[in-house]
PDB file of all heavy atoms in Angstrom:
ATOM      1  N   GLU A   1       6.377  -4.867   5.272  1.00  0.00           N
ATOM      2  CA  GLU A   1       5.081  -4.372   5.573  1.00  0.00           C
ATOM      3  C   GLU A   1       4.737  -4.727   7.083  1.00  0.00           C
ATOM      4  O   GLU A   1       5.412  -5.579   7.732  1.00  0.00           O
ATOM      5  CB  GLU A   1       4.134  -5.104   4.712  1.00  0.00           C
ATOM      6  CG  GLU A   1       4.201  -6.646   4.839  1.00  0.00           C
ATOM      7  CD  GLU A   1       3.215  -7.303   3.700  1.00  0.00           C
ATOM      8  OE1 GLU A   1       3.108  -6.752   2.610  1.00  0.00           O
ATOM      9  OE2 GLU A   1       2.669  -8.355   3.868  1.00  0.00           O
ATOM     10  N   GLY A   2       3.873  -3.952   7.606  1.00  0.00           N
ATOM     11  CA  GLY A   2       3.441  -4.230   8.957  1.00  0.00           C
ATOM     12  C   GLY A   2       3.753  -3.034   9.770  1.00  0.00           C
ATOM     13  O   GLY A   2       4.008  -1.884   9.358  1.00  0.00           O
ATOM     14  N   ARG A   3       3.703  -3.293  11.173  1.00  0.00           N
ATOM     15  CA  ARG A   3       3.815  -2.293  12.143  1.00  0.00           C
ATOM     16  C   ARG A   3       5.313  -2.285  12.674  1.00  0.00           C
ATOM     17  O   ARG A   3       5.877  -3.260  12.952  1.00  0.00           O
ATOM     18  CB  ARG A   3       2.862  -2.490  13.267  1.00  0.00           C
ATOM     19  CG  ARG A   3       2.884  -1.553  14.360  1.00  0.00           C
ATOM     20  CD  ARG A   3       1.863  -1.822  15.354  1.00  0.00           C
ATOM     21  NE  ARG A   3       2.392  -3.050  16.036  1.00  0.00           N
ATOM     22  CZ  ARG A   3       1.778  -3.332  17.300  1.00  0.00           C
ATOM     23  NH1 ARG A   3       0.859  -2.727  17.800  1.00  0.00           N
ATOM     24  NH2 ARG A   3       2.329  -4.477  17.838  1.00  0.00           N
ATOM     25  N   ILE A   4       5.869  -1.136  12.907  1.00  0.00           N
ATOM     26  CA  ILE A   4       7.180  -0.927  13.411  1.00  0.00           C
ATOM     27  C   ILE A   4       7.067  -0.105  14.678  1.00  0.00           C
ATOM     28  O   ILE A   4       6.455   1.028  14.554  1.00  0.00           O
ATOM     29  CB  ILE A   4       8.145  -0.274  12.428  1.00  0.00           C
ATOM     30  CG1 ILE A   4       8.238  -1.070  11.177  1.00  0.00           C
ATOM     31  CG2 ILE A   4       9.515  -0.002  13.066  1.00  0.00           C
ATOM     32  CD1 ILE A   4       8.955  -0.326   9.982  1.00  0.00           C
ATOM     33  N   ARG A   5       7.415  -0.695  15.830  1.00  0.00           N
ATOM     34  CA  ARG A   5       7.330   0.060  17.079  1.00  0.00           C
ATOM     35  C   ARG A   5       8.674   0.339  17.590  1.00  0.00           C
ATOM     36  O   ARG A   5       9.614  -0.431  17.515  1.00  0.00           O
ATOM     37  CB  ARG A   5       6.555  -0.699  18.213  1.00  0.00           C
ATOM     38  CG  ARG A   5       5.265  -1.037  17.840  1.00  0.00           C
ATOM     39  CD  ARG A   5       4.093  -0.684  18.724  1.00  0.00           C
ATOM     40  NE  ARG A   5       4.388  -0.506  20.097  1.00  0.00           N
ATOM     41  CZ  ARG A   5       4.069   0.627  20.759  1.00  0.00           C
ATOM     42  NH1 ARG A   5       3.583   1.637  20.132  1.00  0.00           N
ATOM     43  NH2 ARG A   5       4.274   0.716  22.048  1.00  0.00           N
ATOM     44  N   HIS A   6       8.962   1.674  17.950  1.00  0.00           N
ATOM     45  CA  HIS A   6      10.161   1.978  18.494  1.00  0.00           C
ATOM     46  C   HIS A   6      10.153   3.201  19.513  1.00  0.00           C
ATOM     47  O   HIS A   6       9.115   3.839  19.439  1.00  0.00           O
ATOM     48  CB  HIS A   6      11.133   2.442  17.293  1.00  0.00           C
ATOM     49  CG  HIS A   6      10.561   3.633  16.514  1.00  0.00           C
ATOM     50  ND1 HIS A   6      10.736   4.851  16.875  1.00  0.00           N
ATOM     51  CD2 HIS A   6       9.809   3.564  15.441  1.00  0.00           C
ATOM     52  CE1 HIS A   6      10.165   5.698  16.030  1.00  0.00           C
ATOM     53  NE2 HIS A   6       9.526   4.900  15.125  1.00  0.00           N
ATOM     54  N   PRO A   7      11.131   3.265  20.460  1.00  0.00           N
ATOM     55  CA  PRO A   7      11.093   4.291  21.365  1.00  0.00           C
ATOM     56  C   PRO A   7      11.292   5.709  20.685  1.00  0.00           C
ATOM     57  O   PRO A   7      12.084   5.748  19.633  1.00  0.00           O
ATOM     58  CB  PRO A   7      12.223   4.020  22.311  1.00  0.00           C
ATOM     59  CG  PRO A   7      13.141   3.058  21.622  1.00  0.00           C
ATOM     60  CD  PRO A   7      12.185   2.303  20.671  1.00  0.00           C
ATOM     61  N   VAL A   8      10.747   6.769  21.118  1.00  0.00           N
ATOM     62  CA  VAL A   8      10.958   8.038  20.530  1.00  0.00           C
ATOM     63  C   VAL A   8      12.250   8.649  21.001  1.00  0.00           C
ATOM     64  O   VAL A   8      12.420   8.903  22.225  1.00  0.00           O
ATOM     65  CB  VAL A   8       9.773   8.980  20.940  1.00  0.00           C
ATOM     66  CG1 VAL A   8       9.991  10.415  20.335  1.00  0.00           C
ATOM     67  CG2 VAL A   8       8.427   8.409  20.400  1.00  0.00           C
ATOM     68  N   PHE A   9      13.200   8.833  20.015  1.00  0.00           N
ATOM     69  CA  PHE A   9      14.519   9.409  20.391  1.00  0.00           C
ATOM     70  C   PHE A   9      15.169   8.618  21.619  1.00  0.00           C
ATOM     71  O   PHE A   9      15.805   9.202  22.425  1.00  0.00           O
ATOM     72  CB  PHE A   9      14.514  10.805  20.678  1.00  0.00           C
ATOM     73  CG  PHE A   9      14.088  11.634  19.469  1.00  0.00           C
ATOM     74  CD1 PHE A   9      12.798  12.189  19.503  1.00  0.00           C
ATOM     75  CD2 PHE A   9      14.894  11.821  18.416  1.00  0.00           C
ATOM     76  CE1 PHE A   9      12.405  12.984  18.369  1.00  0.00           C
ATOM     77  CE2 PHE A   9      14.485  12.577  17.286  1.00  0.00           C
ATOM     78  CZ  PHE A   9      13.239  13.173  17.328  1.00  0.00           C
ATOM     79  N   GLY A  10      15.034   7.272  21.696  1.00  0.00           N
ATOM     80  CA  GLY A  10      15.601   6.417  22.630  1.00  0.00           C
ATOM     81  C   GLY A  10      14.954   6.524  23.990  1.00  0.00           C
ATOM     82  O   GLY A  10      15.390   5.848  24.883  1.00  0.00           O
ATOM     83  N   ASN A  11      13.820   7.246  24.176  1.00  0.00           N
ATOM     84  CA  ASN A  11      13.101   7.324  25.442  1.00  0.00           C
ATOM     85  C   ASN A  11      12.204   6.174  25.511  1.00  0.00           C
ATOM     86  O   ASN A  11      11.080   6.080  24.814  1.00  0.00           O
ATOM     87  CB  ASN A  11      12.404   8.610  25.580  1.00  0.00           C
ATOM     88  CG  ASN A  11      11.636   8.803  26.797  1.00  0.00           C
ATOM     89  OD1 ASN A  11      11.487   7.886  27.514  1.00  0.00           O
ATOM     90  ND2 ASN A  11      11.328  10.061  27.140  1.00  0.00           N
ATOM     91  N   CYS A  12      12.454   5.188  26.368  1.00  0.00           N
ATOM     92  CA  CYS A  12      11.718   4.013  26.505  1.00  0.00           C
ATOM     93  C   CYS A  12      10.330   4.153  27.093  1.00  0.00           C
ATOM     94  O   CYS A  12       9.492   3.193  27.253  1.00  0.00           O
ATOM     95  CB  CYS A  12      12.487   2.858  27.135  1.00  0.00           C
ATOM     96  SG  CYS A  12      13.858   2.261  26.173  1.00  0.00           S
ATOM     97  N   LYS A  13      10.009   5.349  27.644  1.00  0.00           N
ATOM     98  CA  LYS A  13       8.704   5.655  28.193  1.00  0.00           C
ATOM     99  C   LYS A  13       7.769   6.140  27.045  1.00  0.00           C
ATOM    100  O   LYS A  13       6.580   6.106  27.346  1.00  0.00           O
ATOM    101  CB  LYS A  13       8.816   6.738  29.238  1.00  0.00           C
ATOM    102  CG  LYS A  13       9.656   6.233  30.549  1.00  0.00           C
ATOM    103  CD  LYS A  13       9.631   7.414  31.552  1.00  0.00           C
ATOM    104  CE  LYS A  13      10.438   6.830  32.766  1.00  0.00           C
ATOM    105  NZ  LYS A  13      10.417   7.883  33.852  1.00  0.00           N
ATOM    106  N   TRP A  14       8.319   6.532  25.871  1.00  0.00           N
ATOM    107  CA  TRP A  14       7.401   7.068  24.835  1.00  0.00           C
ATOM    108  C   TRP A  14       7.727   6.232  23.634  1.00  0.00           C
ATOM    109  O   TRP A  14       8.838   6.168  23.114  1.00  0.00           O
ATOM    110  CB  TRP A  14       7.750   8.555  24.676  1.00  0.00           C
ATOM    111  CG  TRP A  14       7.339   9.415  25.682  1.00  0.00           C
ATOM    112  CD1 TRP A  14       8.174   9.800  26.751  1.00  0.00           C
ATOM    113  CD2 TRP A  14       6.095   9.994  25.991  1.00  0.00           C
ATOM    114  NE1 TRP A  14       7.496  10.578  27.570  1.00  0.00           N
ATOM    115  CE2 TRP A  14       6.165  10.769  27.191  1.00  0.00           C
ATOM    116  CE3 TRP A  14       4.914   9.959  25.284  1.00  0.00           C
ATOM    117  CZ2 TRP A  14       5.067  11.449  27.690  1.00  0.00           C
ATOM    118  CZ3 TRP A  14       3.847  10.723  25.754  1.00  0.00           C
ATOM    119  CH2 TRP A  14       3.926  11.481  26.858  1.00  0.00           C
ATOM    120  N   TRP A  15       6.741   5.588  23.124  1.00  0.00           N
ATOM    121  CA  TRP A  15       6.899   4.787  21.910  1.00  0.00           C
ATOM    122  C   TRP A  15       6.063   5.270  20.706  1.00  0.00           C
ATOM    123  O   TRP A  15       4.967   5.853  20.972  1.00  0.00           O
ATOM    124  CB  TRP A  15       6.446   3.319  22.261  1.00  0.00           C
ATOM    125  CG  TRP A  15       7.534   2.575  23.017  1.00  0.00           C
ATOM    126  CD1 TRP A  15       7.743   2.788  24.376  1.00  0.00           C
ATOM    127  CD2 TRP A  15       8.429   1.671  22.593  1.00  0.00           C
ATOM    128  NE1 TRP A  15       8.740   2.022  24.871  1.00  0.00           N
ATOM    129  CE2 TRP A  15       9.170   1.320  23.775  1.00  0.00           C
ATOM    130  CE3 TRP A  15       8.648   1.047  21.425  1.00  0.00           C
ATOM    131  CZ2 TRP A  15      10.218   0.369  23.712  1.00  0.00           C
ATOM    132  CZ3 TRP A  15       9.705   0.057  21.412  1.00  0.00           C
ATOM    133  CH2 TRP A  15      10.425  -0.251  22.476  1.00  0.00           C
ATOM    134  N   ALA A  16       6.483   4.999  19.600  1.00  0.00           N
ATOM    135  CA  ALA A  16       5.828   5.461  18.349  1.00  0.00           C
ATOM    136  C   ALA A  16       5.588   4.221  17.550  1.00  0.00           C
ATOM    137  O   ALA A  16       6.278   3.191  17.609  1.00  0.00           O
ATOM    138  CB  ALA A  16       6.685   6.348  17.528  1.00  0.00           C
ATOM    139  N   THR A  17       4.559   4.335  16.787  1.00  0.00           N
ATOM    140  CA  THR A  17       4.228   3.190  15.806  1.00  0.00           C
ATOM    141  C   THR A  17       4.083   3.794  14.442  1.00  0.00           C
ATOM    142  O   THR A  17       3.564   4.811  14.189  1.00  0.00           O
ATOM    143  CB  THR A  17       2.814   2.547  16.181  1.00  0.00           C
ATOM    144  OG1 THR A  17       2.721   2.148  17.568  1.00  0.00           O
ATOM    145  CG2 THR A  17       2.406   1.496  15.231  1.00  0.00           C
ATOM    146  N   GLN A  18       4.851   3.071  13.544  1.00  0.00           N
ATOM    147  CA  GLN A  18       4.834   3.570  12.165  1.00  0.00           C
ATOM    148  C   GLN A  18       4.381   2.365  11.394  1.00  0.00           C
ATOM    149  O   GLN A  18       4.720   1.169  11.656  1.00  0.00           O
ATOM    150  CB  GLN A  18       6.217   3.913  11.742  1.00  0.00           C
ATOM    151  CG  GLN A  18       6.685   5.247  12.423  1.00  0.00           C
ATOM    152  CD  GLN A  18       8.069   5.633  11.948  1.00  0.00           C
ATOM    153  OE1 GLN A  18       9.031   4.998  12.319  1.00  0.00           O
ATOM    154  NE2 GLN A  18       8.147   6.685  11.152  1.00  0.00           N
ATOM    155  N   TRP A  19       3.686   2.556  10.286  1.00  0.00           N
ATOM    156  CA  TRP A  19       3.270   1.387   9.445  1.00  0.00           C
ATOM    157  C   TRP A  19       4.136   1.410   8.065  1.00  0.00           C
ATOM    158  O   TRP A  19       4.317   2.483   7.472  1.00  0.00           O
ATOM    159  CB  TRP A  19       1.843   1.559   8.992  1.00  0.00           C
ATOM    160  CG  TRP A  19       0.939   1.389  10.312  1.00  0.00           C
ATOM    161  CD1 TRP A  19       0.553   2.384  11.109  1.00  0.00           C
ATOM    162  CD2 TRP A  19       0.513   0.204  10.766  1.00  0.00           C
ATOM    163  NE1 TRP A  19      -0.248   1.791  12.161  1.00  0.00           N
ATOM    164  CE2 TRP A  19      -0.290   0.452  12.016  1.00  0.00           C
ATOM    165  CE3 TRP A  19       0.643  -1.145  10.411  1.00  0.00           C
ATOM    166  CZ2 TRP A  19      -0.832  -0.611  12.778  1.00  0.00           C
ATOM    167  CZ3 TRP A  19       0.115  -2.106  11.158  1.00  0.00           C
ATOM    168  CH2 TRP A  19      -0.626  -1.862  12.278  1.00  0.00           C
ATOM    169  N   ALA A  20       4.653   0.254   7.908  1.00  0.00           N
ATOM    170  CA  ALA A  20       5.616   0.195   6.667  1.00  0.00           C
ATOM    171  C   ALA A  20       4.785  -0.383   5.512  1.00  0.00           C
ATOM    172  O   ALA A  20       3.993  -1.286   5.609  1.00  0.00           O
ATOM    173  CB  ALA A  20       6.699  -0.777   7.022  1.00  0.00           C
ATOM    174  N   GLN A  21       5.125   0.209   4.356  1.00  0.00           N
ATOM    175  CA  GLN A  21       4.533  -0.296   3.120  1.00  0.00           C
ATOM    176  C   GLN A  21       5.674  -0.454   2.113  1.00  0.00           C
ATOM    177  O   GLN A  21       6.561   0.335   2.027  1.00  0.00           O
ATOM    178  CB  GLN A  21       3.423   0.693   2.611  1.00  0.00           C
ATOM    179  CG  GLN A  21       2.280   0.842   3.462  1.00  0.00           C
ATOM    180  CD  GLN A  21       1.362   1.944   2.951  1.00  0.00           C
ATOM    181  OE1 GLN A  21       1.644   2.551   1.982  1.00  0.00           O
ATOM    182  NE2 GLN A  21       0.317   2.085   3.739  1.00  0.00           N
ATOM    183  N   PRO A  22       5.602  -1.520   1.329  1.00  0.00           N
ATOM    184  CA  PRO A  22       6.681  -1.728   0.280  1.00  0.00           C
ATOM    185  C   PRO A  22       6.672  -0.495  -0.737  1.00  0.00           C
ATOM    186  O   PRO A  22       5.661   0.083  -0.812  1.00  0.00           O
ATOM    187  CB  PRO A  22       6.156  -2.924  -0.455  1.00  0.00           C
ATOM    188  CG  PRO A  22       5.105  -3.662   0.395  1.00  0.00           C
ATOM    189  CD  PRO A  22       4.618  -2.535   1.305  1.00  0.00           C
ATOM    190  N   PRO A  23       7.740  -0.158  -1.131  1.00  0.00           N
ATOM    191  CA  PRO A  23       9.116  -0.691  -1.053  1.00  0.00           C
ATOM    192  C   PRO A  23       9.981   0.052  -0.193  1.00  0.00           C
ATOM    193  O   PRO A  23      11.154   0.457  -0.426  1.00  0.00           O
ATOM    194  CB  PRO A  23       9.649  -0.628  -2.515  1.00  0.00           C
ATOM    195  CG  PRO A  23       9.071   0.589  -2.947  1.00  0.00           C
ATOM    196  CD  PRO A  23       7.729   0.750  -2.355  1.00  0.00           C
ATOM    197  N   TRP A  24       9.513   0.560   0.963  1.00  0.00           N
ATOM    198  CA  TRP A  24      10.315   1.589   1.853  1.00  0.00           C
ATOM    199  C   TRP A  24      11.753   1.093   2.098  1.00  0.00           C
ATOM    200  O   TRP A  24      12.559   1.942   2.173  1.00  0.00           O
ATOM    201  CB  TRP A  24       9.509   1.719   3.181  1.00  0.00           C
ATOM    202  CG  TRP A  24       9.585   0.638   4.168  1.00  0.00           C
ATOM    203  CD1 TRP A  24       8.733  -0.430   4.184  1.00  0.00           C
ATOM    204  CD2 TRP A  24      10.497   0.382   5.154  1.00  0.00           C
ATOM    205  NE1 TRP A  24       9.118  -1.234   5.180  1.00  0.00           N
ATOM    206  CE2 TRP A  24      10.204  -0.714   5.856  1.00  0.00           C
ATOM    207  CE3 TRP A  24      11.632   1.188   5.580  1.00  0.00           C
ATOM    208  CZ2 TRP A  24      10.905  -1.215   6.932  1.00  0.00           C
ATOM    209  CZ3 TRP A  24      12.367   0.692   6.732  1.00  0.00           C
ATOM    210  CH2 TRP A  24      11.961  -0.415   7.331  1.00  0.00           C
ATOM    211  N   TRP A  25      11.916  -0.167   2.447  1.00  0.00           N
ATOM    212  CA  TRP A  25      13.301  -0.595   2.791  1.00  0.00           C
ATOM    213  C   TRP A  25      14.258  -0.554   1.590  1.00  0.00           C
ATOM    214  O   TRP A  25      15.300   0.004   1.726  1.00  0.00           O
ATOM    215  CB  TRP A  25      13.167  -2.073   3.281  1.00  0.00           C
ATOM    216  CG  TRP A  25      14.580  -2.600   3.772  1.00  0.00           C
ATOM    217  CD1 TRP A  25      15.307  -3.562   3.159  1.00  0.00           C
ATOM    218  CD2 TRP A  25      15.290  -2.284   5.019  1.00  0.00           C
ATOM    219  NE1 TRP A  25      16.401  -3.834   3.838  1.00  0.00           N
ATOM    220  CE2 TRP A  25      16.462  -3.030   4.987  1.00  0.00           C
ATOM    221  CE3 TRP A  25      15.037  -1.395   6.046  1.00  0.00           C
ATOM    222  CZ2 TRP A  25      17.341  -2.915   6.040  1.00  0.00           C
ATOM    223  CZ3 TRP A  25      15.864  -1.305   7.006  1.00  0.00           C
ATOM    224  CH2 TRP A  25      17.075  -2.049   7.061  1.00  0.00           C
ATOM    225  N   ASP A  26      13.801  -1.096   0.468  1.00  0.00           N
ATOM    226  CA  ASP A  26      14.720  -1.093  -0.678  1.00  0.00           C
ATOM    227  C   ASP A  26      15.032   0.376  -1.133  1.00  0.00           C
ATOM    228  O   ASP A  26      16.156   0.662  -1.509  1.00  0.00           O
ATOM    229  CB  ASP A  26      14.105  -1.792  -1.855  1.00  0.00           C
ATOM    230  CG  ASP A  26      14.079  -3.322  -1.655  1.00  0.00           C
ATOM    231  OD1 ASP A  26      14.844  -3.726  -0.896  1.00  0.00           O
ATOM    232  OD2 ASP A  26      13.227  -3.939  -2.423  1.00  0.00           O
ATOM    233  N   THR A  27      13.996   1.224  -1.084  1.00  0.00           N
ATOM    234  CA  THR A  27      14.266   2.621  -1.515  1.00  0.00           C
ATOM    235  C   THR A  27      15.304   3.272  -0.607  1.00  0.00           C
ATOM    236  O   THR A  27      16.250   3.992  -1.086  1.00  0.00           O
ATOM    237  CB  THR A  27      12.889   3.404  -1.419  1.00  0.00           C
ATOM    238  OG1 THR A  27      11.953   2.730  -2.376  1.00  0.00           O
ATOM    239  CG2 THR A  27      13.061   4.771  -1.890  1.00  0.00           C
ATOM    240  N   THR A  28      15.141   3.069   0.640  1.00  0.00           N
ATOM    241  CA  THR A  28      16.010   3.751   1.585  1.00  0.00           C
ATOM    242  C   THR A  28      17.481   3.268   1.427  1.00  0.00           C
ATOM    243  O   THR A  28      18.413   3.914   1.490  1.00  0.00           O
ATOM    244  CB  THR A  28      15.501   3.485   3.018  1.00  0.00           C
ATOM    245  OG1 THR A  28      14.178   4.072   3.144  1.00  0.00           O
ATOM    246  CG2 THR A  28      16.407   4.104   4.114  1.00  0.00           C
ATOM    247  N   VAL A  29      17.533   1.881   1.441  1.00  0.00           N
ATOM    248  CA  VAL A  29      18.947   1.265   1.356  1.00  0.00           C
ATOM    249  C   VAL A  29      19.632   1.663  -0.020  1.00  0.00           C
ATOM    250  O   VAL A  29      20.786   2.087   0.092  1.00  0.00           O
ATOM    251  CB  VAL A  29      18.891  -0.246   1.379  1.00  0.00           C
ATOM    252  CG1 VAL A  29      20.104  -0.893   1.015  1.00  0.00           C
ATOM    253  CG2 VAL A  29      18.488  -0.704   2.827  1.00  0.00           C
ATOM    254  N   ARG A  30      18.920   1.726  -1.071  1.00  0.00           N
ATOM    255  CA  ARG A  30      19.498   2.073  -2.362  1.00  0.00           C
ATOM    256  C   ARG A  30      19.874   3.670  -2.278  1.00  0.00           C
ATOM    257  O   ARG A  30      20.997   3.930  -2.761  1.00  0.00           O
ATOM    258  CB  ARG A  30      18.522   1.986  -3.477  1.00  0.00           C
ATOM    259  CG  ARG A  30      18.543   0.599  -4.155  1.00  0.00           C
ATOM    260  CD  ARG A  30      17.797   0.577  -5.511  1.00  0.00           C
ATOM    261  NE  ARG A  30      16.499   0.939  -5.469  1.00  0.00           N
ATOM    262  CZ  ARG A  30      15.577   0.057  -5.112  1.00  0.00           C
ATOM    263  NH1 ARG A  30      15.832  -1.246  -4.893  1.00  0.00           N
ATOM    264  NH2 ARG A  30      14.262   0.512  -5.041  1.00  0.00           N
ATOM    265  N   ARG A  31      19.108   4.401  -1.658  1.00  0.00           N
ATOM    266  CA  ARG A  31      19.382   5.876  -1.539  1.00  0.00           C
ATOM    267  C   ARG A  31      20.732   6.095  -0.747  1.00  0.00           C
ATOM    268  O   ARG A  31      21.450   7.030  -1.069  1.00  0.00           O
ATOM    269  CB  ARG A  31      18.206   6.572  -0.927  1.00  0.00           C
ATOM    270  CG  ARG A  31      18.464   8.066  -0.753  1.00  0.00           C
ATOM    271  CD  ARG A  31      17.219   8.730  -0.203  1.00  0.00           C
ATOM    272  NE  ARG A  31      17.444  10.106  -0.004  1.00  0.00           N
ATOM    273  CZ  ARG A  31      16.658  10.909   0.648  1.00  0.00           C
ATOM    274  NH1 ARG A  31      15.626  10.469   1.183  1.00  0.00           N
ATOM    275  NH2 ARG A  31      16.991  12.217   0.822  1.00  0.00           N
ATOM    276  N   TYR A  32      20.908   5.328   0.361  1.00  0.00           N
ATOM    277  CA  TYR A  32      21.954   5.637   1.240  1.00  0.00           C
ATOM    278  C   TYR A  32      23.165   4.599   1.142  1.00  0.00           C
ATOM    279  O   TYR A  32      24.084   4.670   1.938  1.00  0.00           O
ATOM    280  CB  TYR A  32      21.425   5.603   2.705  1.00  0.00           C
ATOM    281  CG  TYR A  32      20.538   6.821   3.020  1.00  0.00           C
ATOM    282  CD1 TYR A  32      19.123   6.691   2.969  1.00  0.00           C
ATOM    283  CD2 TYR A  32      21.150   8.161   3.110  1.00  0.00           C
ATOM    284  CE1 TYR A  32      18.411   7.863   3.089  1.00  0.00           C
ATOM    285  CE2 TYR A  32      20.365   9.191   3.289  1.00  0.00           C
ATOM    286  CZ  TYR A  32      19.077   9.093   3.374  1.00  0.00           C
ATOM    287  OH  TYR A  32      18.198  10.204   3.513  1.00  0.00           O
ATOM    288  N   THR A  33      23.197   3.696   0.212  1.00  0.00           N
ATOM    289  CA  THR A  33      24.209   2.772   0.041  1.00  0.00           C
ATOM    290  C   THR A  33      25.650   3.406  -0.089  1.00  0.00           C
ATOM    291  O   THR A  33      26.527   3.122   0.607  1.00  0.00           O
ATOM    292  CB  THR A  33      24.009   1.734  -1.033  1.00  0.00           C
ATOM    293  OG1 THR A  33      22.834   0.931  -0.670  1.00  0.00           O
ATOM    294  CG2 THR A  33      25.148   0.927  -1.326  1.00  0.00           C
ATOM    295  N   PRO A  34      25.799   4.418  -0.960  1.00  0.00           N
ATOM    296  CA  PRO A  34      27.093   5.031  -1.049  1.00  0.00           C
ATOM    297  C   PRO A  34      27.557   5.729   0.281  1.00  0.00           C
ATOM    298  O   PRO A  34      28.768   5.485   0.621  1.00  0.00           O
ATOM    299  CB  PRO A  34      26.909   6.151  -2.113  1.00  0.00           C
ATOM    300  CG  PRO A  34      25.731   5.711  -2.874  1.00  0.00           C
ATOM    301  CD  PRO A  34      24.785   5.024  -1.977  1.00  0.00           C
ATOM    302  N   ARG A  35      26.635   6.351   0.979  1.00  0.00           N
ATOM    303  CA  ARG A  35      27.042   6.928   2.323  1.00  0.00           C
ATOM    304  C   ARG A  35      27.426   5.836   3.298  1.00  0.00           C
ATOM    305  O   ARG A  35      28.466   5.978   4.018  1.00  0.00           O
ATOM    306  CB  ARG A  35      25.907   7.773   2.799  1.00  0.00           C
ATOM    307  CG  ARG A  35      26.275   8.368   4.118  1.00  0.00           C
ATOM    308  CD  ARG A  35      25.173   9.342   4.642  1.00  0.00           C
ATOM    309  NE  ARG A  35      25.505   9.788   5.976  1.00  0.00           N
ATOM    310  CZ  ARG A  35      24.670  10.398   6.742  1.00  0.00           C
ATOM    311  NH1 ARG A  35      23.435  10.740   6.280  1.00  0.00           N
ATOM    312  NH2 ARG A  35      25.001  10.875   7.871  1.00  0.00           N
ATOM    313  N   MET A  36      26.540   4.693   3.290  1.00  0.00           N
ATOM    314  CA  MET A  36      26.911   3.611   4.289  1.00  0.00           C
ATOM    315  C   MET A  36      28.275   3.073   3.979  1.00  0.00           C
ATOM    316  O   MET A  36      29.076   2.790   4.851  1.00  0.00           O
ATOM    317  CB  MET A  36      25.881   2.638   4.148  1.00  0.00           C
ATOM    318  CG  MET A  36      24.455   2.993   4.833  1.00  0.00           C
ATOM    319  SD  MET A  36      23.323   1.709   4.859  1.00  0.00           S
ATOM    320  CE  MET A  36      22.793   1.557   3.116  1.00  0.00           C
ATOM    321  N   GLN A  37      28.600   2.897   2.584  1.00  0.00           N
ATOM    322  CA  GLN A  37      29.845   2.332   2.157  1.00  0.00           C
ATOM    323  C   GLN A  37      31.030   3.207   2.685  1.00  0.00           C
ATOM    324  O   GLN A  37      32.061   2.794   3.181  1.00  0.00           O
ATOM    325  CB  GLN A  37      29.887   2.052   0.717  1.00  0.00           C
ATOM    326  CG  GLN A  37      29.084   0.928   0.341  1.00  0.00           C
ATOM    327  CD  GLN A  37      28.911   0.845  -1.182  1.00  0.00           C
ATOM    328  OE1 GLN A  37      28.946   1.786  -1.928  1.00  0.00           O
ATOM    329  NE2 GLN A  37      28.624  -0.473  -1.631  1.00  0.00           N
ATOM    330  N   ARG A  38      30.841   4.581   2.431  1.00  0.00           N
ATOM    331  CA  ARG A  38      31.896   5.514   2.841  1.00  0.00           C
ATOM    332  C   ARG A  38      32.217   5.494   4.387  1.00  0.00           C
ATOM    333  O   ARG A  38      33.228   5.511   4.799  1.00  0.00           O
ATOM    334  CB  ARG A  38      31.539   6.974   2.508  1.00  0.00           C
ATOM    335  CG  ARG A  38      31.697   7.212   0.948  1.00  0.00           C
ATOM    336  CD  ARG A  38      31.592   8.673   0.669  1.00  0.00           C
ATOM    337  NE  ARG A  38      30.370   9.334   1.163  1.00  0.00           N
ATOM    338  CZ  ARG A  38      29.191   9.447   0.555  1.00  0.00           C
ATOM    339  NH1 ARG A  38      28.999   8.836  -0.648  1.00  0.00           N
ATOM    340  NH2 ARG A  38      28.185  10.073   1.261  1.00  0.00           N
ATOM    341  N   GLU A  39      31.060   5.352   5.120  1.00  0.00           N
ATOM    342  CA  GLU A  39      31.192   5.343   6.596  1.00  0.00           C
ATOM    343  C   GLU A  39      31.850   4.044   7.025  1.00  0.00           C
ATOM    344  O   GLU A  39      32.708   4.043   8.052  1.00  0.00           O
ATOM    345  CB  GLU A  39      29.901   5.508   7.300  1.00  0.00           C
ATOM    346  CG  GLU A  39      29.223   6.949   7.059  1.00  0.00           C
ATOM    347  CD  GLU A  39      30.137   7.977   7.771  1.00  0.00           C
ATOM    348  OE1 GLU A  39      30.583   7.820   9.013  1.00  0.00           O
ATOM    349  OE2 GLU A  39      30.523   8.905   7.126  1.00  0.00           O
ATOM    350  N   ILE A  40      31.563   2.940   6.487  1.00  0.00           N
ATOM    351  CA  ILE A  40      32.131   1.708   6.803  1.00  0.00           C
ATOM    352  C   ILE A  40      33.682   1.758   6.531  1.00  0.00           C
ATOM    353  O   ILE A  40      34.566   1.404   7.444  1.00  0.00           O
ATOM    354  CB  ILE A  40      31.615   0.501   6.036  1.00  0.00           C
ATOM    355  CG1 ILE A  40      30.152   0.230   6.561  1.00  0.00           C
ATOM    356  CG2 ILE A  40      32.448  -0.755   6.078  1.00  0.00           C
ATOM    357  CD1 ILE A  40      29.349  -0.677   5.668  1.00  0.00           C
ATOM    358  N   VAL A  41      34.035   2.307   5.355  1.00  0.00           N
ATOM    359  CA  VAL A  41      35.532   2.434   5.087  1.00  0.00           C
ATOM    360  C   VAL A  41      36.149   3.392   6.088  1.00  0.00           C
ATOM    361  O   VAL A  41      37.265   3.151   6.653  1.00  0.00           O
ATOM    362  CB  VAL A  41      35.672   2.939   3.629  1.00  0.00           C
ATOM    363  CG1 VAL A  41      37.091   3.485   3.412  1.00  0.00           C
ATOM    364  CG2 VAL A  41      35.233   1.907   2.645  1.00  0.00           C
TER     365      VAL A  41
END
């Protein structure tokens, strides 16, 4: 939870703010775990 600040497409002159709410992290990790494992291998 909270605020996530990051540069827009790596451009450090332009920043975006996104607000995180549970369970965004777990949902994303579960969804992409098989792909992440394949890429690591």
